[in-house]
Protein backbone atom coordinates (compact mmCIF):
# COMPACT_ATOMS: atom_id res chain seq x y z
CA MET A 1 85.52 14.31 -25.89
CA ASN A 2 84.32 18.40 -26.48
CA THR A 3 80.83 19.28 -25.76
CA LYS A 4 80.26 22.81 -27.46
CA THR A 5 77.02 24.56 -25.32
CA HIS A 6 75.26 27.20 -27.37
CA ASN A 7 73.93 30.15 -25.26
CA SER A 8 70.40 29.96 -27.15
CA GLU A 9 69.72 26.68 -25.22
CA LYS A 10 70.08 27.98 -21.84
CA GLY A 11 67.37 27.89 -19.38
CA GLN A 12 64.98 25.43 -21.67
CA ALA A 13 64.60 23.38 -18.14
CA ILE A 14 63.15 26.35 -16.61
CA VAL A 15 60.53 27.04 -19.09
CA PHE A 16 59.21 23.57 -19.23
CA LEU A 17 59.63 23.27 -15.34
CA ILE A 18 57.55 26.49 -15.20
CA ILE A 19 54.84 25.00 -17.99
CA GLY A 20 54.65 21.79 -16.08
CA LEU A 21 54.09 23.31 -12.89
CA THR A 22 51.70 25.81 -13.83
CA VAL A 23 49.47 22.73 -15.47
CA PHE A 24 50.10 20.72 -12.31
CA LEU A 25 48.75 23.75 -10.36
CA GLY A 26 45.83 24.17 -12.63
CA PHE A 27 44.89 20.40 -12.26
CA VAL A 28 44.92 20.76 -8.33
CA ALA A 29 43.21 23.98 -8.42
CA LEU A 30 40.65 21.93 -10.47
CA ALA A 31 40.57 19.01 -8.21
CA VAL A 32 39.84 21.78 -5.03
CA ASP A 33 36.94 23.24 -7.01
CA GLY A 34 35.65 20.24 -8.35
CA GLY A 35 35.69 18.98 -4.68
CA MET A 36 33.98 22.15 -3.56
CA VAL A 37 31.62 21.61 -6.26
CA LEU A 38 30.69 18.14 -5.31
CA SER A 39 30.44 18.67 -1.90
CA ASN A 40 28.20 21.36 -2.23
CA ARG A 41 25.85 19.30 -4.39
CA ARG A 42 25.93 16.49 -1.85
CA ASN A 43 24.75 19.40 0.86
CA VAL A 44 22.41 20.67 -1.30
CA GLN A 45 20.87 17.09 -2.03
CA ASN A 46 20.64 16.52 1.49
CA GLY A 47 19.08 19.38 2.21
CA ALA A 48 16.40 18.61 -0.71
CA ASP A 49 15.65 15.18 0.71
CA ALA A 50 15.70 16.08 4.36
CA ALA A 51 12.94 18.94 3.30
CA ALA A 52 10.75 16.58 1.25
CA LEU A 53 10.89 13.72 3.78
CA ALA A 54 9.83 16.40 6.75
CA GLY A 55 6.77 17.70 4.61
CA ALA A 56 5.86 14.24 3.50
CA GLY A 57 5.96 12.97 6.79
CA LYS A 58 3.67 15.98 7.96
CA ILE A 59 1.37 15.12 5.48
CA ALA A 60 1.01 11.20 6.29
CA LEU A 61 0.74 12.33 9.95
CA GLU A 62 -2.02 14.75 8.93
CA PHE A 63 -3.89 11.96 6.91
CA GLU A 64 -3.79 9.67 10.04
CA ASN A 65 -5.09 12.76 12.46
CA ARG A 66 -7.85 13.86 10.06
CA HIS A 67 -8.54 10.61 9.02
CA VAL A 68 -8.18 10.72 5.22
CA LEU A 69 -9.82 7.78 3.92
CA TRP A 70 -8.98 5.61 0.47
CA SER A 71 -12.29 5.31 -0.94
CA SER A 72 -13.53 9.31 -0.22
CA PHE A 73 -10.04 10.64 -0.92
CA SER A 74 -10.72 14.16 -3.00
CA CYS A 75 -7.85 16.83 -4.10
CA THR A 76 -10.24 19.30 -2.98
CA ALA A 77 -11.28 17.76 0.47
CA ASN A 78 -10.54 19.89 3.19
CA ASN A 79 -8.58 17.41 5.03
CA VAL A 80 -6.28 16.84 1.88
CA THR A 81 -5.51 20.13 1.14
CA THR A 82 -4.83 21.28 4.98
CA SER A 83 -2.49 18.27 4.86
CA MET A 84 -0.70 19.44 1.81
CA GLN A 85 -0.37 22.88 3.22
CA LEU A 86 0.91 21.80 6.28
CA GLY A 87 3.39 19.88 4.88
CA ARG A 88 4.95 22.56 2.95
CA ALA A 89 5.26 24.52 5.65
CA ALA A 90 7.11 21.46 7.41
CA ALA A 91 9.55 21.85 4.83
CA ILE A 92 10.19 25.13 4.49
CA VAL A 93 11.10 25.20 8.19
CA ARG A 94 13.72 21.93 7.60
CA ALA A 95 15.11 23.42 5.02
CA ALA A 96 15.71 26.65 7.11
CA ASN A 97 17.14 24.53 9.54
CA ASN A 98 19.50 23.18 7.10
CA ASN A 99 20.50 26.83 5.95
CA PHE A 100 18.30 26.78 3.15
CA THR A 101 15.61 29.61 2.19
CA ILE A 102 12.78 27.99 0.06
CA PHE A 103 9.54 29.52 -1.14
CA ASP A 104 5.78 28.52 -1.36
CA PRO A 105 5.07 28.82 -4.20
CA PRO A 106 8.82 28.42 -5.44
CA GLN A 107 10.99 31.34 -6.61
CA ASN A 108 14.39 30.81 -8.78
CA PHE A 109 14.29 26.98 -8.51
CA ASN A 110 13.69 27.50 -4.61
CA GLY A 111 11.25 26.14 -3.37
CA VAL A 112 8.20 23.51 -2.28
CA SER A 113 4.99 22.57 -4.18
CA THR A 114 2.61 20.02 -3.97
CA SER A 115 0.49 17.93 -6.39
CA CYS A 116 -2.74 15.81 -5.95
CA VAL A 117 -3.47 12.48 -8.33
CA ILE A 118 -6.17 10.50 -8.34
CA TRP A 119 -4.93 8.01 -11.53
CA ARG A 120 -7.86 5.44 -12.54
CA PRO A 121 -7.11 3.44 -15.69
CA SER A 122 -9.93 0.74 -14.97
CA CYS A 123 -12.95 0.10 -12.79
CA ILE A 124 -11.20 -1.01 -9.79
CA VAL A 125 -7.61 -0.34 -10.31
CA TYR A 126 -6.42 3.03 -9.00
CA ASP A 127 -4.05 5.02 -7.67
CA LYS A 128 -4.22 8.10 -5.26
CA TYR A 129 -1.52 10.25 -3.80
CA VAL A 130 -0.08 13.72 -3.04
CA ASP A 131 3.60 14.19 -4.28
CA ILE A 132 5.53 17.09 -2.46
CA THR A 133 8.36 18.56 -4.60
CA VAL A 134 11.65 20.52 -3.08
CA GLN A 135 13.82 22.62 -5.24
CA ILE A 136 17.09 23.84 -4.00
CA SER A 137 19.69 25.76 -5.82
CA SER A 138 23.09 26.77 -4.61
CA GLN A 139 26.13 28.64 -5.92
CA THR A 140 29.77 27.25 -5.07
CA ARG A 141 32.37 29.84 -5.12
CA THR A 142 35.59 28.35 -6.96
CA SER A 143 38.99 29.63 -7.25
CA PHE A 144 40.97 28.62 -10.60
CA ALA A 145 37.38 27.47 -12.12
CA GLN A 146 36.25 30.75 -12.65
CA VAL A 147 38.74 31.26 -15.13
CA LEU A 148 36.95 28.73 -17.42
CA PHE A 149 33.50 29.63 -16.28
CA PRO A 150 33.07 33.00 -15.45
CA ASN A 151 29.54 32.90 -14.36
CA ALA A 152 29.18 30.65 -11.01
CA ILE A 153 28.69 27.28 -10.88
CA THR A 154 25.19 26.53 -9.85
CA ASN A 155 23.80 23.14 -8.39
CA ARG A 156 20.30 22.45 -8.61
CA LEU A 157 18.57 19.36 -7.24
CA THR A 158 15.25 18.52 -6.94
CA THR A 159 13.42 15.50 -4.71
CA VAL A 160 9.86 14.18 -4.70
CA VAL A 161 8.56 12.19 -2.28
CA ARG A 162 4.90 10.76 -2.62
CA VAL A 163 2.52 10.16 0.55
CA ARG A 164 -0.58 7.59 -0.20
CA PRO A 165 -3.38 7.68 2.58
CA ARG A 166 -4.49 4.27 4.00
CA GLN A 167 -5.15 1.86 1.22
CA PRO A 168 -7.75 -0.93 1.83
CA LEU A 169 -6.38 -4.60 0.12
CA VAL A 170 -7.19 -5.47 -3.14
CA PHE A 171 -8.65 -1.85 -3.52
CA GLY A 172 -11.23 -2.16 -1.77
CA ALA A 173 -12.93 -5.05 -2.80
CA ALA A 174 -15.53 -6.75 -0.65
CA ILE A 175 -15.05 -10.27 -2.13
CA ALA A 176 -11.71 -11.00 -4.36
CA ALA A 177 -9.60 -14.05 -5.86
CA LEU A 178 -6.12 -13.82 -6.06
CA ASP A 179 -5.38 -16.99 -7.99
CA PRO A 180 -4.37 -15.70 -11.70
CA ALA A 181 -5.20 -19.10 -13.64
CA ASN A 182 -7.74 -19.44 -16.07
CA CYS A 183 -10.96 -21.45 -15.73
CA SER A 184 -9.90 -25.10 -14.77
CA GLY A 185 -12.85 -27.57 -13.14
CA GLN A 186 -15.30 -25.79 -10.70
CA ASN A 187 -12.87 -24.59 -8.06
CA ASN A 188 -10.61 -21.83 -9.10
CA GLY A 189 -10.86 -18.51 -9.29
CA ALA A 190 -14.44 -16.55 -8.15
CA THR A 191 -17.08 -18.81 -8.47
CA PHE A 192 -20.40 -18.22 -8.06
CA ARG A 193 -23.37 -20.98 -7.39
CA GLY A 194 -26.74 -22.14 -6.22
CA ASN A 195 -30.02 -20.76 -6.86
CA GLY A 196 -29.48 -17.86 -4.15
CA ASP A 197 -28.12 -14.43 -4.27
CA THR A 198 -24.94 -12.76 -3.74
CA GLN A 199 -25.38 -9.02 -2.63
CA VAL A 200 -22.59 -6.95 -2.60
CA THR A 201 -23.05 -3.36 -1.28
CA GLY A 202 -20.20 -0.88 -1.88
CA GLY A 203 -16.47 -2.29 -2.64
CA ALA A 204 -16.43 -4.75 -5.72
CA ILE A 205 -16.38 -8.11 -6.76
CA TYR A 206 -13.06 -9.05 -8.33
CA SER A 207 -10.91 -12.35 -9.56
CA GLN A 208 -7.02 -12.15 -10.78
CA GLY A 209 -7.75 -14.99 -12.59
CA CYS A 210 -11.31 -16.99 -13.16
CA MET A 211 -14.68 -15.88 -12.54
CA ARG A 212 -17.80 -18.15 -13.02
CA GLY A 213 -21.32 -18.58 -12.55
CA SER A 214 -21.92 -22.42 -12.07
CA GLY A 215 -25.47 -21.71 -10.22
CA SER A 216 -29.09 -22.37 -11.71
CA ALA A 217 -30.48 -18.89 -11.49
CA GLY A 218 -29.07 -17.33 -9.03
CA ASN A 219 -28.11 -13.41 -9.24
CA VAL A 220 -24.53 -11.63 -8.56
CA SER A 221 -24.94 -7.86 -7.95
CA VAL A 222 -22.99 -4.98 -6.48
CA SER A 223 -24.35 -1.85 -5.42
CA GLY A 224 -22.28 1.25 -5.43
CA GLY A 225 -19.03 -0.91 -7.22
CA TRP A 226 -18.04 -3.16 -9.70
CA ILE A 227 -17.26 -6.77 -10.91
CA ASP A 228 -13.96 -7.24 -12.35
CA TYR A 229 -11.90 -10.06 -13.51
CA ASN A 230 -8.12 -10.19 -15.09
CA GLY A 231 -8.19 -13.66 -16.51
CA GLN A 232 -11.62 -15.43 -18.23
CA PHE A 233 -15.37 -14.94 -17.37
CA ILE A 234 -17.82 -17.70 -17.70
CA PRO A 235 -21.13 -16.28 -16.93
CA GLY A 236 -23.34 -19.63 -16.56
CA ASN A 237 -26.88 -19.00 -15.90
CA MET A 238 -26.42 -16.47 -13.15
CA HIS A 239 -27.41 -12.75 -13.74
CA TRP A 240 -25.01 -10.36 -13.44
CA SER A 241 -25.22 -6.71 -12.29
CA PRO A 242 -23.41 -4.84 -13.48
CA TYR A 243 -21.79 -6.96 -16.01
CA PRO A 244 -18.14 -8.22 -15.42
CA TYR A 245 -15.30 -6.19 -16.89
CA GLN A 246 -12.34 -7.54 -17.79
CA LEU A 247 -9.11 -6.03 -16.81
CA ASN A 248 -5.62 -6.14 -18.16
CA TYR A 249 -3.52 -5.59 -14.97
CA ASP A 250 -1.87 -7.83 -12.92
CA LEU A 251 -2.34 -7.07 -9.37
CA PRO A 252 0.96 -6.59 -7.29
CA ALA A 253 1.49 -9.05 -4.31
CA ASP A 254 1.92 -5.99 -1.46
CA ASN A 255 -1.54 -5.18 -2.66
CA TYR A 256 -2.93 -7.94 -0.35
CA ASP A 257 -0.02 -8.35 1.78
CA VAL A 258 -0.28 -8.17 5.45
CA PRO A 259 2.46 -8.24 7.85
CA LEU A 260 2.27 -11.51 10.18
CA PRO A 261 1.13 -10.76 13.76
CA ASP A 262 3.38 -11.28 16.62
CA CYS A 263 2.37 -14.30 18.50
CA ASN A 264 5.53 -14.09 20.81
CA ASP A 265 3.99 -11.02 22.21
CA PRO A 266 2.97 -11.93 25.82
CA ARG A 267 -0.25 -10.11 25.64
CA ALA A 268 -1.18 -12.82 22.43
CA HIS A 269 -3.32 -15.64 23.34
CA ASN A 270 -1.80 -19.11 22.39
CA VAL A 271 -3.94 -21.84 22.10
CA SER A 272 -4.64 -25.33 20.58
CA SER A 273 -8.63 -24.65 20.63
CA LEU A 274 -10.72 -21.49 20.97
CA PRO A 275 -13.16 -20.62 23.89
CA SER A 276 -16.36 -19.89 23.31
CA THR A 277 -16.10 -16.53 23.97
CA LEU A 278 -13.04 -14.33 23.41
CA THR A 279 -11.67 -11.50 24.95
CA PRO A 280 -10.89 -8.74 22.80
CA GLY A 281 -6.96 -9.03 21.48
CA LEU A 282 -4.66 -11.45 19.40
CA TRP A 283 -5.65 -15.05 19.29
CA CYS A 284 -3.02 -17.75 17.71
CA LEU A 285 -4.63 -21.20 16.78
CA THR A 286 -2.36 -23.91 16.44
CA GLY A 287 -4.64 -26.19 15.09
CA ASP A 288 -7.76 -26.32 13.27
CA LEU A 289 -11.30 -24.04 14.24
CA THR A 290 -14.65 -26.49 14.05
CA LEU A 291 -18.00 -25.19 14.84
CA ASN A 292 -20.76 -27.93 14.97
CA GLY A 293 -24.49 -27.96 15.67
CA ASN A 294 -25.13 -25.49 18.88
CA ASP A 295 -21.40 -24.72 19.10
CA SER A 296 -20.72 -20.60 19.42
CA LEU A 297 -17.59 -18.35 18.98
CA VAL A 298 -18.41 -14.72 19.94
CA GLY A 299 -15.76 -11.95 20.29
CA THR A 300 -15.63 -8.37 20.01
CA GLY A 301 -11.91 -6.34 19.19
CA VAL A 302 -10.53 -9.97 18.09
CA THR A 303 -7.85 -11.05 15.57
CA ILE A 304 -8.06 -15.09 14.74
CA TYR A 305 -4.51 -15.86 13.61
CA VAL A 306 -4.46 -19.86 11.96
CA PRO A 307 -1.42 -20.24 10.55
CA ASN A 308 -1.48 -23.99 9.46
CA GLY A 309 -5.19 -25.15 10.14
CA SER A 310 -8.26 -25.17 8.52
CA ILE A 311 -11.67 -23.44 9.57
CA THR A 312 -15.14 -25.00 9.29
CA VAL A 313 -18.53 -23.45 10.71
CA ASN A 314 -21.34 -25.96 10.12
CA GLY A 315 -24.93 -26.24 10.78
CA ASN A 316 -26.46 -23.89 13.50
CA ALA A 317 -23.54 -23.20 14.90
CA TRP A 318 -23.02 -19.74 16.23
CA LEU A 319 -20.46 -17.19 15.08
CA ASN A 320 -20.17 -13.35 15.88
CA LEU A 321 -17.06 -11.82 15.64
CA THR A 322 -15.96 -8.42 15.16
CA ALA A 323 -12.18 -7.35 14.31
CA PRO A 324 -10.29 -4.51 16.19
CA ASP A 325 -11.10 -0.83 15.37
CA ARG A 326 -8.33 1.60 14.38
CA ASN A 327 -6.58 1.84 17.58
CA PRO A 328 -6.29 -1.94 18.83
CA ASP A 329 -6.31 -2.95 22.76
CA PRO A 330 -4.87 -4.92 23.69
CA ALA A 331 -2.14 -5.27 21.01
CA PRO A 332 -0.55 -6.98 19.21
CA ALA A 333 -4.36 -7.49 17.74
CA ILE A 334 -4.47 -6.11 13.86
CA ALA A 335 -6.72 -3.09 13.38
CA GLY A 336 -9.75 -4.21 10.68
CA LEU A 337 -8.50 -7.90 10.16
CA VAL A 338 -10.62 -10.58 11.91
CA ILE A 339 -9.62 -13.65 10.46
CA TYR A 340 -5.82 -14.60 9.12
CA MET A 341 -4.61 -17.33 7.98
CA PRO A 342 -1.37 -16.61 5.91
CA LYS A 343 -0.10 -17.53 2.53
CA SER A 344 2.10 -20.57 3.61
CA ASN A 345 -1.53 -21.86 5.10
CA HIS A 346 -3.15 -23.67 1.92
CA HIS A 347 -6.12 -24.67 3.75
CA GLU A 348 -9.95 -24.10 3.54
CA LEU A 349 -11.90 -21.75 5.42
CA LYS A 350 -15.64 -22.92 4.85
CA ILE A 351 -18.87 -21.28 6.52
CA ASN A 352 -22.08 -22.85 6.02
CA GLY A 353 -24.50 -20.01 5.95
CA ASN A 354 -27.04 -19.48 8.78
CA THR A 355 -28.99 -16.70 10.49
CA ASN A 356 -26.66 -16.80 13.65
CA ASN A 357 -23.16 -15.82 11.79
CA HIS A 358 -21.97 -12.32 11.56
CA LEU A 359 -18.80 -11.20 10.56
CA THR A 360 -16.81 -7.77 10.67
CA GLY A 361 -13.59 -6.66 9.61
CA THR A 362 -11.38 -8.49 7.07
CA VAL A 363 -11.06 -12.04 6.59
CA LEU A 364 -7.94 -12.85 4.64
CA VAL A 365 -6.78 -16.28 3.09
CA PRO A 366 -4.23 -15.51 0.78
CA GLY A 367 -3.03 -19.15 0.13
CA GLY A 368 -6.17 -20.86 0.74
CA THR A 369 -9.93 -21.19 -0.36
CA ILE A 370 -12.70 -19.23 0.93
CA ASP A 371 -16.02 -21.15 0.88
CA LEU A 372 -19.41 -19.23 1.85
CA ASP A 373 -22.72 -20.03 1.67
CA GLY A 374 -25.76 -17.88 2.06
CA THR A 375 -27.27 -16.78 5.39
CA GLY A 376 -30.49 -15.42 4.20
CA ASP A 377 -29.44 -11.70 5.42
CA SER A 378 -28.14 -9.01 3.07
CA SER A 379 -26.37 -7.65 6.23
CA ALA A 380 -24.76 -10.71 7.76
CA TYR A 381 -20.98 -9.93 6.86
CA HIS A 382 -19.72 -6.28 7.13
CA SER A 383 -16.66 -7.48 5.80
CA GLN A 384 -14.11 -8.17 2.90
CA PHE A 385 -13.14 -11.90 1.83
CA ILE A 386 -9.94 -12.15 -0.08
CA GLY A 387 -8.73 -16.29 -0.86
CA TRP A 388 -6.64 -17.44 -3.34
CA ASP A 389 -9.68 -19.14 -4.56
CA VAL A 390 -13.25 -18.05 -3.32
CA LYS A 391 -16.76 -19.85 -3.69
CA VAL A 392 -19.86 -18.40 -2.92
CA GLY A 393 -23.48 -19.49 -3.00
CA GLY A 394 -26.20 -21.84 -1.61
CA ASP A 395 -30.14 -21.06 -2.10
CA ALA A 396 -29.95 -18.31 0.75
CA THR A 397 -29.15 -14.95 -0.07
CA LEU A 398 -25.18 -13.92 0.85
CA GLY A 399 -24.87 -10.38 1.64
CA VAL A 400 -21.57 -8.63 2.34
CA VAL A 401 -21.63 -4.82 3.28
CA TYR A 402 -18.51 -3.33 2.48
CA ASP A 403 -17.15 -0.54 5.03
CA GLU A 404 -13.73 0.89 4.58
CA ASN A 405 -13.80 2.07 8.39
CA LEU A 406 -14.22 -1.40 9.61
CA VAL A 407 -11.84 -3.38 7.34
CA TYR A 408 -8.15 -3.71 7.57
CA SER A 409 -6.25 -1.14 5.75
CA LYS A 410 -2.48 -0.57 4.72
CA PRO A 411 -1.00 2.45 6.52
CA THR A 412 -0.30 5.62 5.17
CA SER A 413 2.93 5.31 3.54
CA ILE A 414 5.67 7.32 2.29
CA GLU A 415 8.10 6.97 -0.95
CA VAL A 416 10.78 8.80 -2.65
CA ALA A 417 9.77 9.21 -6.23
CA LYS A 418 12.44 11.39 -7.44
């Protein structure tokens, strides 16, 4: 069989080969250029993240060194503005170490800035923080891609890191009940009973659920703070000042979470009963603590941790305890925390008040009940009482003075916001 070849068909395969090779090389070039763009983007993102975190770390360190407190936090305070300035400077240095030049204030999407925010939707619920923002832009040199994109391809990345100062538990409430249920019977939530007065100076009174008055003619008052509840309020015959305010806010668990103390630390005291005089440090009690009659318990710079038992102080027992300061020595005592019964412990802490009772620091019972009777002393407790349920009352005055310097606070924190 004869095959006739036309001259016009010669070389067609070469044309298709050239076109295919050109397309193939184009894809290769785009892949190479695309990889360069992505690589540059990762490099810019890493640079922005590193600079922002370095700046935030410096702000956090300055907050600690300059004793920036949650209660007195102000966007115009010198300790805050100076910390922000030093944070921006630290971000610039870190960016330069990674071969990026940024400015304060930003120029052409290259720079660092800080913003201070105080957000307060209600009396007790608020947020306070400083954001540090780093912006970095970088052009990528390409080969084939510039045929399709005449202008240089630019990566622009932004990182925002948020810094919160030391934050007290439950927004600084002096008396707080965490139980979210509405009123049922006479035991849940925050209950104020008897004929005596409950006087809180500073801080606030807060209930996540029920707040009730079950006394005859007592007074519940807060000087320099608020009385808030999130569920149900039964005023009873008690007199309230200021009058309780209803929130619509679910308290996050991390607002009252405290890390468990390290009872395995060789410096911790692990005992089944406590001596009458405690040396400074962490005391881990395996059983119950009961003080009656002329019993006494005295200690300065102590954290008492009761993982499973109850605490009962009756009659004329002498109770005088002070939490460790900001730098507890010896560790592993917890600064500002004087008594801690963790969430897994559903027992009760009960103190029948008398003039011999004095506590300084946070008393934290997030899984159980705190039951307090008046001492007749309006300044007996320089404390913060936080329980699942809290019962307060009696026929004598119960005084709680809230001082942020004396109670537990969550350390300065850093989080990536963007």
